[in-house]
C-alpha cells in the first residue's frame, strides 16, 4: 500500500497540536464517577424499536440465542454463566434466538431469493463482489453478498473465510448478523441481515436529500462505539475489525447504526500468552489507517480506535477523510479539524448544514477532545473503545439537557 507524505505530515502535526491543546487552557473531557455509572448503564442498553427489527424479517427460524457475558475481558471464556449481567450481553442488545449462521442454503434457495440474481435487486457492488436484496421462503428480507472464485483470487478467498468466521462468532444489535453462507463451485455466497437505509457515508453526503442532524450523528457514533467495544471485549477472543469507516456503517429506518463488512477482520493478540500485538500486512482504507500500524505492521485493538477517531471527525464535519479537491491545508480532514480545534476555531469545521447552536457547539468541542485522544500517533496514548463509548454517552447526556 502506498504511503502518503500528506498522511505522515498529519501524524507529526497531531503530536504538536496535542501538546498545544494541553496548554491552551481547554479542559479535557472529564467524567465524574457517578455520571459515568448513570450514563453508562442507560447508554449501553438501548432498545431497538420493534419496527426496525421486523423490517429485516423477524421470523423465529432466523434468530439466534442471546449470549450473555460476564462483562470482564479476562472472564470472556466463561461468559455463559453470566446471563443478564453484561451491558453487552444483555438481551436488549441482541436480536437472535437461534445460532447465527446456522441456516444451510442451497444455490436453488439463493436463485429463488434473488430471482436469479436480477439486476433490479442489485443494491451494491465493490471489490468483494455484488450485493443483492433477497427474500427467503419464510419472507425474511436479506442481503446476499455474491463473489466468484477465479484462478487469481487466493487473497479474496481468505477474506471471504475471514468474514464468515468472524460473523459466525458475533451477535450484537449494532453488528450486521449472518444468516448463513454457501460455497458452491465458483460461487461464494454470504446471506446477511438486510439493513434498509443505506450507509452513513450516503447520509453524510445527503444522497437521499435529507441532512443528518447532530443528535442523530451522536447516536450513530455511540452505536458504533458499542459495536467495536463488543468486538474488542465481549467475544470469545478479541476481534479487530480493521476497516471502520462510514461506508461500512449501515443505518436502519430509525437511524440505528450497524457495523458491516468483516473481510479484513483479524483476531487480536492472545494477551494471556503475553503477546501485545499481531504482526500482519497492512489492510484498511486510506484516511482511516493507524499510523503506528502503517509503520510497524503491528496490529492491535487501538488501530480500530484510531479509525474511530477519524470517523468522529467525519460525523462532525460531514467531510470525507481525504478531500482531494480542497486546498492543501484542508485535504486531510482530521488534520485540518484538529488544527482548528486546538487553535480555538473548531466552529469553522462544523458541517455548514448543521445549526450553530449552543448544544451543537458544546458537543462538537467535547467530541473533538475525544477524537484528539483517539488520533494520538502512538497506541498507548489512545483510550480503549469502552472508554470512548463512556465519554460519548456522557456527551449525549449533556447535549440533551442543553438542547432541551
Protein backbone atom coordinates (compact mmCIF):
# COMPACT_ATOMS: atom_id res chain seq x y z
CA UNK A 1 0.00 0.00 0.00
CA UNK A 2 1.35 3.43 -0.95
CA UNK A 3 2.01 5.67 1.98
CA UNK A 4 1.11 9.29 1.51
CA UNK A 5 3.54 12.02 2.57
CA UNK A 6 0.48 14.06 3.45
CA UNK A 7 -0.58 11.46 5.97
CA UNK A 8 2.88 11.47 7.51
CA UNK A 9 2.58 15.23 7.95
CA UNK A 10 -0.68 14.74 9.77
CA UNK A 11 0.79 12.25 12.18
CA UNK A 12 3.54 14.67 13.20
CA UNK A 13 1.08 17.54 13.34
CA UNK A 14 -1.09 15.60 15.75
CA UNK A 15 1.79 15.30 18.18
CA UNK A 16 2.32 19.05 18.12
CA UNK A 17 -1.31 20.04 18.40
CA UNK A 18 -1.97 17.64 21.23
CA UNK A 19 0.67 19.44 23.31
CA UNK A 20 -0.78 22.74 22.23
CA UNK A 21 -4.21 21.72 23.36
CA UNK A 22 -2.95 20.85 26.82
CA UNK A 23 -1.53 24.34 27.23
CA UNK A 24 -4.42 26.28 25.77
CA UNK A 25 -6.49 26.28 28.93
CA UNK A 26 -9.05 23.94 27.42
CA UNK A 27 -10.26 21.37 29.92
CA UNK A 28 -10.16 17.79 28.66
CA UNK A 29 -13.33 15.73 28.81
CA UNK A 30 -13.71 14.67 32.43
CA UNK A 31 -16.49 12.44 33.70
CA UNK A 32 -17.40 12.11 37.35
CA UNK A 33 -17.75 8.54 38.55
CA UNK A 34 -21.45 8.81 39.31
CA UNK A 35 -22.19 10.42 35.96
CA UNK A 36 -20.33 7.63 34.22
CA UNK A 37 -22.24 4.95 36.10
CA UNK A 38 -25.64 6.53 35.41
CA UNK A 39 -24.97 7.37 31.78
CA UNK A 40 -23.13 4.15 31.08
CA UNK A 41 -25.94 1.82 32.15
CA UNK A 42 -28.62 3.69 30.25
CA UNK A 43 -26.43 4.19 27.21
CA UNK A 44 -25.32 0.61 26.82
CA UNK A 45 -28.76 -0.94 26.88
CA UNK A 46 -30.52 0.89 24.03
CA UNK A 47 -33.73 -0.87 22.97
CA UNK A 48 -34.11 -1.33 19.23
CA UNK A 49 -37.50 -0.04 18.09
CA UNK A 50 -39.70 -3.00 17.22
CA UNK A 51 -40.50 -1.64 13.77
CA UNK A 52 -36.83 -1.60 12.86
CA UNK A 53 -36.28 -5.21 13.82
CA UNK A 54 -39.28 -6.56 11.96
CA UNK A 55 -38.28 -4.71 8.81
CA UNK A 56 -35.38 -7.15 8.40
CA UNK A 57 -37.57 -10.21 8.93
CA UNK A 58 -38.39 -11.20 12.48
CA UNK A 59 -39.01 -14.90 11.89
CA UNK A 60 -38.19 -17.21 14.81
CA UNK A 61 -36.43 -19.57 12.44
CA UNK A 62 -33.77 -16.96 11.73
CA UNK A 63 -32.89 -15.82 15.25
CA UNK A 64 -30.05 -16.92 17.48
CA UNK A 65 -29.99 -17.27 21.25
CA UNK A 66 -28.94 -14.32 23.37
CA UNK A 67 -25.40 -14.76 24.58
CA UNK A 68 -24.60 -13.16 27.92
CA UNK A 69 -21.17 -12.15 29.06
CA UNK A 70 -19.68 -11.63 32.47
CA UNK A 71 -18.57 -8.17 31.43
CA UNK A 72 -14.83 -8.60 32.02
CA UNK A 73 -12.37 -9.35 29.27
CA UNK A 74 -10.45 -11.77 31.47
CA UNK A 75 -13.65 -13.76 32.04
CA UNK A 76 -14.96 -13.85 28.47
CA UNK A 77 -14.46 -17.60 28.07
CA UNK A 78 -16.84 -18.24 30.96
CA UNK A 79 -19.46 -15.83 29.69
CA UNK A 80 -22.26 -18.38 29.52
CA UNK A 81 -22.76 -18.35 33.29
CA UNK A 82 -23.20 -14.58 33.43
CA UNK A 83 -26.52 -14.26 31.61
CA UNK A 84 -28.06 -10.84 32.01
CA UNK A 85 -25.15 -9.27 33.87
CA UNK A 86 -23.29 -7.68 30.98
CA UNK A 87 -24.32 -4.47 29.31
CA UNK A 88 -23.12 -6.01 26.04
CA UNK A 89 -24.60 -9.42 26.66
CA UNK A 90 -27.98 -8.12 27.79
CA UNK A 91 -30.93 -9.27 25.76
CA UNK A 92 -31.71 -5.69 24.79
CA UNK A 93 -28.56 -5.66 22.72
CA UNK A 94 -29.05 -8.98 20.91
CA UNK A 95 -31.61 -9.95 18.32
CA UNK A 96 -31.15 -13.69 17.70
CA UNK A 97 -32.92 -16.71 19.12
CA UNK A 98 -31.09 -19.32 17.07
CA UNK A 99 -27.39 -19.73 16.46
CA UNK A 100 -26.17 -17.23 13.90
CA UNK A 101 -25.01 -18.65 10.60
CA UNK A 102 -26.66 -22.00 11.23
CA UNK A 103 -29.03 -21.95 8.24
CA UNK A 104 -27.91 -24.23 5.41
CA UNK A 105 -28.58 -22.77 1.97
CA UNK A 106 -28.50 -24.30 -1.49
CA UNK A 107 -27.95 -22.46 -4.76
CA UNK A 108 -31.61 -23.10 -5.52
CA UNK A 109 -32.51 -21.13 -2.37
CA UNK A 110 -30.25 -18.29 -3.47
CA UNK A 111 -31.62 -18.19 -7.02
CA UNK A 112 -35.17 -18.05 -5.68
CA UNK A 113 -34.32 -15.34 -3.16
CA UNK A 114 -32.69 -13.11 -5.78
CA UNK A 115 -34.86 -14.02 -8.77
CA UNK A 116 -31.78 -15.47 -10.48
CA UNK A 117 -29.63 -12.51 -9.39
CA UNK A 118 -31.95 -9.99 -11.00
CA UNK A 119 -30.33 -6.62 -11.75
CA UNK A 120 -33.41 -4.98 -10.26
CA UNK A 121 -32.41 -6.41 -6.86
CA UNK A 122 -28.78 -5.27 -7.02
CA UNK A 123 -28.09 -2.90 -4.12
CA UNK A 124 -24.30 -2.60 -4.06
CA UNK A 125 -21.00 -3.51 -5.65
CA UNK A 126 -17.34 -3.39 -4.65
CA UNK A 127 -14.07 -5.28 -4.75
CA UNK A 128 -15.78 -8.08 -2.82
CA UNK A 129 -18.43 -8.65 -5.49
CA UNK A 130 -22.09 -7.73 -5.81
CA UNK A 131 -24.78 -7.40 -3.12
CA UNK A 132 -28.41 -8.25 -3.85
CA UNK A 133 -31.55 -7.75 -1.85
CA UNK A 134 -33.31 -11.08 -1.44
CA UNK A 135 -36.31 -12.66 0.20
CA UNK A 136 -36.19 -16.11 1.77
CA UNK A 137 -39.07 -18.55 1.58
CA UNK A 138 -40.35 -17.56 5.03
CA UNK A 139 -40.46 -13.91 3.96
CA UNK A 140 -37.25 -12.78 5.66
CA UNK A 141 -35.62 -9.95 3.71
CA UNK A 142 -31.84 -10.41 3.49
CA UNK A 143 -28.76 -9.04 1.77
CA UNK A 144 -26.96 -11.63 -0.36
CA UNK A 145 -23.30 -10.96 -1.00
CA UNK A 146 -22.02 -12.76 -4.10
CA UNK A 147 -18.45 -13.21 -5.27
CA UNK A 148 -16.87 -15.70 -7.64
CA UNK A 149 -13.64 -17.63 -7.40
CA UNK A 150 -11.02 -17.11 -10.05
CA UNK A 151 -7.59 -18.62 -10.58
CA UNK A 152 -6.03 -15.42 -9.18
CA UNK A 153 -8.17 -14.94 -6.07
CA UNK A 154 -6.40 -16.68 -3.20
CA UNK A 155 -6.44 -13.32 -1.46
CA UNK A 156 -10.20 -12.72 -1.80
CA UNK A 157 -10.84 -16.31 -0.74
CA UNK A 158 -9.04 -15.64 2.52
CA UNK A 159 -11.13 -12.51 3.05
CA UNK A 160 -14.34 -14.48 2.46
CA UNK A 161 -13.34 -17.12 5.01
CA UNK A 162 -12.31 -14.40 7.46
CA UNK A 163 -15.67 -12.70 7.14
CA UNK A 164 -17.55 -15.97 7.63
CA UNK A 165 -15.52 -16.95 10.69
CA UNK A 166 -15.98 -13.52 12.24
CA UNK A 167 -19.70 -13.23 11.57
CA UNK A 168 -20.31 -16.71 12.98
CA UNK A 169 -18.85 -15.62 16.33
CA UNK A 170 -20.70 -12.37 16.89
CA UNK A 171 -24.21 -11.23 17.73
CA UNK A 172 -24.95 -7.70 18.76
CA UNK A 173 -27.60 -5.13 17.98
CA UNK A 174 -25.09 -2.84 16.27
CA UNK A 175 -23.40 -5.50 14.12
CA UNK A 176 -24.81 -6.92 10.90
CA UNK A 177 -25.73 -10.55 11.58
CA UNK A 178 -25.06 -13.62 9.46
CA UNK A 179 -27.86 -15.98 8.48
CA UNK A 180 -25.72 -18.41 6.54
CA UNK A 181 -23.20 -18.87 3.75
CA UNK A 182 -22.54 -21.15 0.82
CA UNK A 183 -19.57 -22.17 -1.32
CA UNK A 184 -20.70 -23.91 -4.49
CA UNK A 185 -18.36 -24.31 -7.45
CA UNK A 186 -17.13 -20.83 -8.28
CA UNK A 187 -19.79 -19.18 -6.15
CA UNK A 188 -19.18 -17.67 -2.71
CA UNK A 189 -22.36 -16.52 -1.04
CA UNK A 190 -22.96 -14.71 2.24
CA UNK A 191 -26.54 -14.27 3.46
CA UNK A 192 -26.67 -11.47 5.99
CA UNK A 193 -29.12 -9.11 7.63
CA UNK A 194 -30.63 -6.56 5.28
CA UNK A 195 -30.31 -3.02 6.60
CA UNK A 196 -32.65 -0.82 4.55
CA UNK A 197 -31.45 2.75 4.88
CA UNK A 198 -28.08 2.93 3.15
CA UNK A 199 -24.67 3.77 4.57
CA UNK A 200 -23.60 6.52 6.95
CA UNK A 201 -21.48 7.98 4.18
CA UNK A 202 -24.51 8.28 1.92
CA UNK A 203 -26.38 10.10 4.67
CA UNK A 204 -23.48 12.48 5.31
CA UNK A 205 -23.46 13.17 1.58
CA UNK A 206 -27.24 13.76 1.74
CA UNK A 207 -27.75 11.27 -1.07
CA UNK A 208 -31.39 10.88 -0.03
CA UNK A 209 -31.87 14.65 0.17
CA UNK A 210 -32.08 14.83 3.97
CA UNK A 211 -29.41 16.28 6.25
CA UNK A 212 -28.43 14.05 9.17
CA UNK A 213 -28.93 16.21 12.27
CA UNK A 214 -26.35 16.46 15.06
CA UNK A 215 -28.33 14.38 17.56
CA UNK A 216 -28.57 11.51 15.07
CA UNK A 217 -24.85 11.72 14.33
CA UNK A 218 -24.08 11.49 18.04
CA UNK A 219 -26.38 8.47 18.43
CA UNK A 220 -24.68 6.79 15.47
CA UNK A 221 -21.25 7.40 16.97
CA UNK A 222 -22.39 5.74 20.20
CA UNK A 223 -23.86 2.77 18.32
CA UNK A 224 -20.55 2.23 16.51
CA UNK A 225 -18.72 2.61 19.81
CA UNK A 226 -20.88 -0.15 21.31
CA UNK A 227 -20.22 -2.43 18.36
CA UNK A 228 -16.45 -2.08 18.41
CA UNK A 229 -16.31 -2.39 22.20
CA UNK A 230 -18.21 -5.65 21.91
CA UNK A 231 -15.72 -6.95 19.33
CA UNK A 232 -12.75 -5.95 21.48
CA UNK A 233 -14.01 -7.11 24.87
CA UNK A 234 -17.02 -9.40 24.81
CA UNK A 235 -16.36 -12.03 22.16
CA UNK A 236 -14.63 -15.31 23.00
CA UNK A 237 -11.43 -13.83 21.60
CA UNK A 238 -10.98 -10.11 20.84
CA UNK A 239 -11.67 -9.20 17.21
CA UNK A 240 -10.09 -6.25 15.39
CA UNK A 241 -12.35 -5.01 12.61
CA UNK A 242 -9.55 -3.23 10.67
CA UNK A 243 -11.87 -1.30 8.35
CA UNK A 244 -14.03 1.01 10.44
CA UNK A 245 -15.31 3.70 8.05
CA UNK A 246 -18.54 5.49 7.23
CA UNK A 247 -19.25 3.38 4.13
CA UNK A 248 -19.13 0.22 6.29
CA UNK A 249 -21.77 1.54 8.70
CA UNK A 250 -25.33 0.74 7.67
CA UNK A 251 -28.36 2.55 9.04
CA UNK A 252 -31.82 1.24 9.86
CA UNK A 253 -35.01 3.16 9.13
CA UNK A 254 -34.75 4.52 12.67
CA UNK A 255 -31.12 5.60 12.05
CA UNK A 256 -29.62 2.94 14.28
CA UNK A 257 -26.11 2.01 13.16
CA UNK A 258 -24.90 -1.46 12.29
CA UNK A 259 -21.24 -2.12 11.51
CA UNK A 260 -20.71 -4.33 8.45
CA UNK A 261 -18.00 -5.82 6.21
CA UNK A 262 -15.67 -8.05 8.19
CA UNK A 263 -13.46 -9.10 5.28
CA UNK A 264 -10.37 -7.55 6.90
CA UNK A 265 -11.16 -8.61 10.47
CA UNK A 266 -8.46 -10.37 12.50
CA UNK A 267 -8.30 -11.98 15.91
CA UNK A 268 -6.33 -9.81 18.29
CA UNK A 269 -3.18 -10.92 20.11
CA UNK A 270 -3.55 -13.55 22.82
CA UNK A 271 -2.74 -11.40 25.82
CA UNK A 272 -2.89 -14.41 28.14
CA UNK A 273 0.23 -15.72 26.43
CA UNK A 274 1.95 -12.35 26.80
CA UNK A 275 1.53 -11.16 23.20
CA UNK A 276 0.94 -7.43 22.72
CA UNK A 277 0.11 -7.27 19.02
CA UNK A 278 -0.42 -9.22 15.81
CA UNK A 279 2.17 -8.76 13.07
CA UNK A 280 0.35 -8.65 9.75
CA UNK A 281 0.31 -6.97 6.35
CA UNK A 282 -1.46 -3.63 6.07
CA UNK A 283 -5.19 -3.79 5.45
CA UNK A 284 -7.71 -0.99 5.65
CA UNK A 285 -8.75 2.19 3.88
CA UNK A 286 -6.65 5.28 3.18
CA UNK A 287 -7.54 8.11 5.52
CA UNK A 288 -8.55 5.78 8.35
CA UNK A 289 -5.31 3.82 8.81
CA UNK A 290 -3.45 3.87 12.11
CA UNK A 291 0.00 5.48 11.52
CA UNK A 292 1.69 3.16 14.01
CA UNK A 293 0.24 0.11 12.26
CA UNK A 294 1.42 1.56 8.93
CA UNK A 295 4.99 1.98 10.13
CA UNK A 296 5.40 -1.17 12.26
CA UNK A 297 2.90 -3.69 10.80
CA UNK A 298 1.85 -4.27 14.43
CA UNK A 299 -1.93 -4.55 14.69
CA UNK A 300 -3.81 -4.02 17.97
CA UNK A 301 -7.32 -3.04 19.03
CA UNK A 302 -6.05 0.54 19.19
CA UNK A 303 -5.90 0.55 15.39
CA UNK A 304 -9.70 0.44 15.42
CA UNK A 305 -9.65 3.28 17.97
CA UNK A 306 -7.65 5.43 15.55
CA UNK A 307 -10.14 4.74 12.73
CA UNK A 308 -12.96 5.60 15.13
CA UNK A 309 -11.28 8.97 15.80
CA UNK A 310 -11.33 9.70 12.07
CA UNK A 311 -14.99 8.68 11.99
CA UNK A 312 -15.82 11.11 14.83
CA UNK A 313 -14.30 13.95 12.81
CA UNK A 314 -16.26 12.79 9.79
CA UNK A 315 -19.51 12.91 11.79
CA UNK A 316 -18.88 16.49 12.91
CA UNK A 317 -17.61 17.92 9.63
CA UNK A 318 -19.60 15.85 7.17
CA UNK A 319 -16.43 15.65 5.06
CA UNK A 320 -14.67 12.55 3.79
CA UNK A 321 -11.33 11.70 5.48
CA UNK A 322 -9.46 12.73 2.33
CA UNK A 323 -10.81 15.61 0.22
CA UNK A 324 -8.51 15.85 -2.84
CA UNK A 325 -10.41 18.81 -4.31
CA UNK A 326 -9.89 21.00 -1.22
CA UNK A 327 -6.90 23.28 -0.86
CA UNK A 328 -3.81 21.54 0.52
CA UNK A 329 -4.29 22.53 4.17
CA UNK A 330 -7.81 21.05 4.17
CA UNK A 331 -7.27 17.85 2.21
CA UNK A 332 -6.69 15.60 5.22
CA UNK A 333 -9.89 16.30 7.13
CA UNK A 334 -8.77 15.05 10.55
CA UNK A 335 -5.56 17.11 10.44
CA UNK A 336 -7.47 20.22 9.36
CA UNK A 337 -10.18 19.77 12.00
CA UNK A 338 -7.76 19.06 14.86
CA UNK A 339 -5.65 22.09 13.95
CA UNK A 340 -8.69 24.34 14.03
CA UNK A 341 -9.84 22.76 17.28
CA UNK A 342 -6.54 23.34 19.08
CA UNK A 343 -6.46 26.91 17.73
CA UNK A 344 -9.91 27.58 19.20
CA UNK A 345 -11.60 27.71 15.81
CA UNK A 346 -13.49 24.41 15.87
CA UNK A 347 -16.77 26.10 14.93
CA UNK A 348 -15.44 26.71 11.41
CA UNK A 349 -15.20 22.94 10.86
CA UNK A 350 -18.80 22.15 11.78
CA UNK A 351 -20.78 20.81 8.84
CA UNK A 352 -22.29 24.03 7.37
CA UNK A 353 -25.64 22.25 7.00
CA UNK A 354 -25.89 21.95 10.81
CA UNK A 355 -27.20 24.62 13.14
CA UNK A 356 -24.59 26.54 15.13
CA UNK A 357 -26.48 26.17 18.40
CA UNK A 358 -25.04 26.17 21.92
CA UNK A 359 -25.76 22.44 22.27
CA UNK A 360 -24.14 21.57 18.93
CA UNK A 361 -21.08 23.71 19.67
CA UNK A 362 -20.51 22.23 23.13
CA UNK A 363 -20.95 18.65 21.92
CA UNK A 364 -18.65 19.33 18.96
CA UNK A 365 -15.88 20.57 21.28
CA UNK A 366 -16.17 17.50 23.51
CA UNK A 367 -16.26 15.12 20.55
CA UNK A 368 -13.12 16.75 19.16
CA UNK A 369 -11.42 16.38 22.55
CA UNK A 370 -12.12 12.65 22.34
CA UNK A 371 -11.11 12.46 18.67
CA UNK A 372 -7.77 14.08 19.51
CA UNK A 373 -7.09 11.29 22.02
CA UNK A 374 -8.12 8.59 19.53
CA UNK A 375 -5.82 10.07 16.88
CA UNK A 376 -2.72 10.01 19.08
CA UNK A 377 0.24 8.80 16.96
CA UNK A 378 1.14 6.09 19.49
CA UNK A 379 -1.39 3.46 20.51
CA UNK A 380 -0.51 3.62 24.21
CA UNK A 381 -1.86 7.19 24.30
CA UNK A 382 -5.24 6.27 22.84
CA UNK A 383 -8.25 5.37 25.00
CA UNK A 384 -9.94 1.99 24.82
CA UNK A 385 -13.12 1.70 22.81
CA UNK A 386 -15.06 1.15 26.01
CA UNK A 387 -13.76 4.47 27.34
CA UNK A 388 -14.70 6.15 24.06
CA UNK A 389 -18.25 4.85 24.37
CA UNK A 390 -18.48 6.00 28.00
CA UNK A 391 -17.37 9.51 27.06
CA UNK A 392 -19.80 9.72 24.14
CA UNK A 393 -22.66 8.64 26.40
CA UNK A 394 -21.78 11.44 28.80
CA UNK A 395 -21.59 13.91 25.91
CA UNK A 396 -25.04 12.84 24.72
CA UNK A 397 -26.48 13.27 28.21
CA UNK A 398 -25.15 16.84 28.43
CA UNK A 399 -26.22 17.55 24.86
CA UNK A 400 -29.82 16.50 25.52
CA UNK A 401 -30.01 18.58 28.69
CA UNK A 402 -28.74 21.69 26.89
CA UNK A 403 -30.79 21.14 23.73
CA UNK A 404 -33.93 20.65 25.81
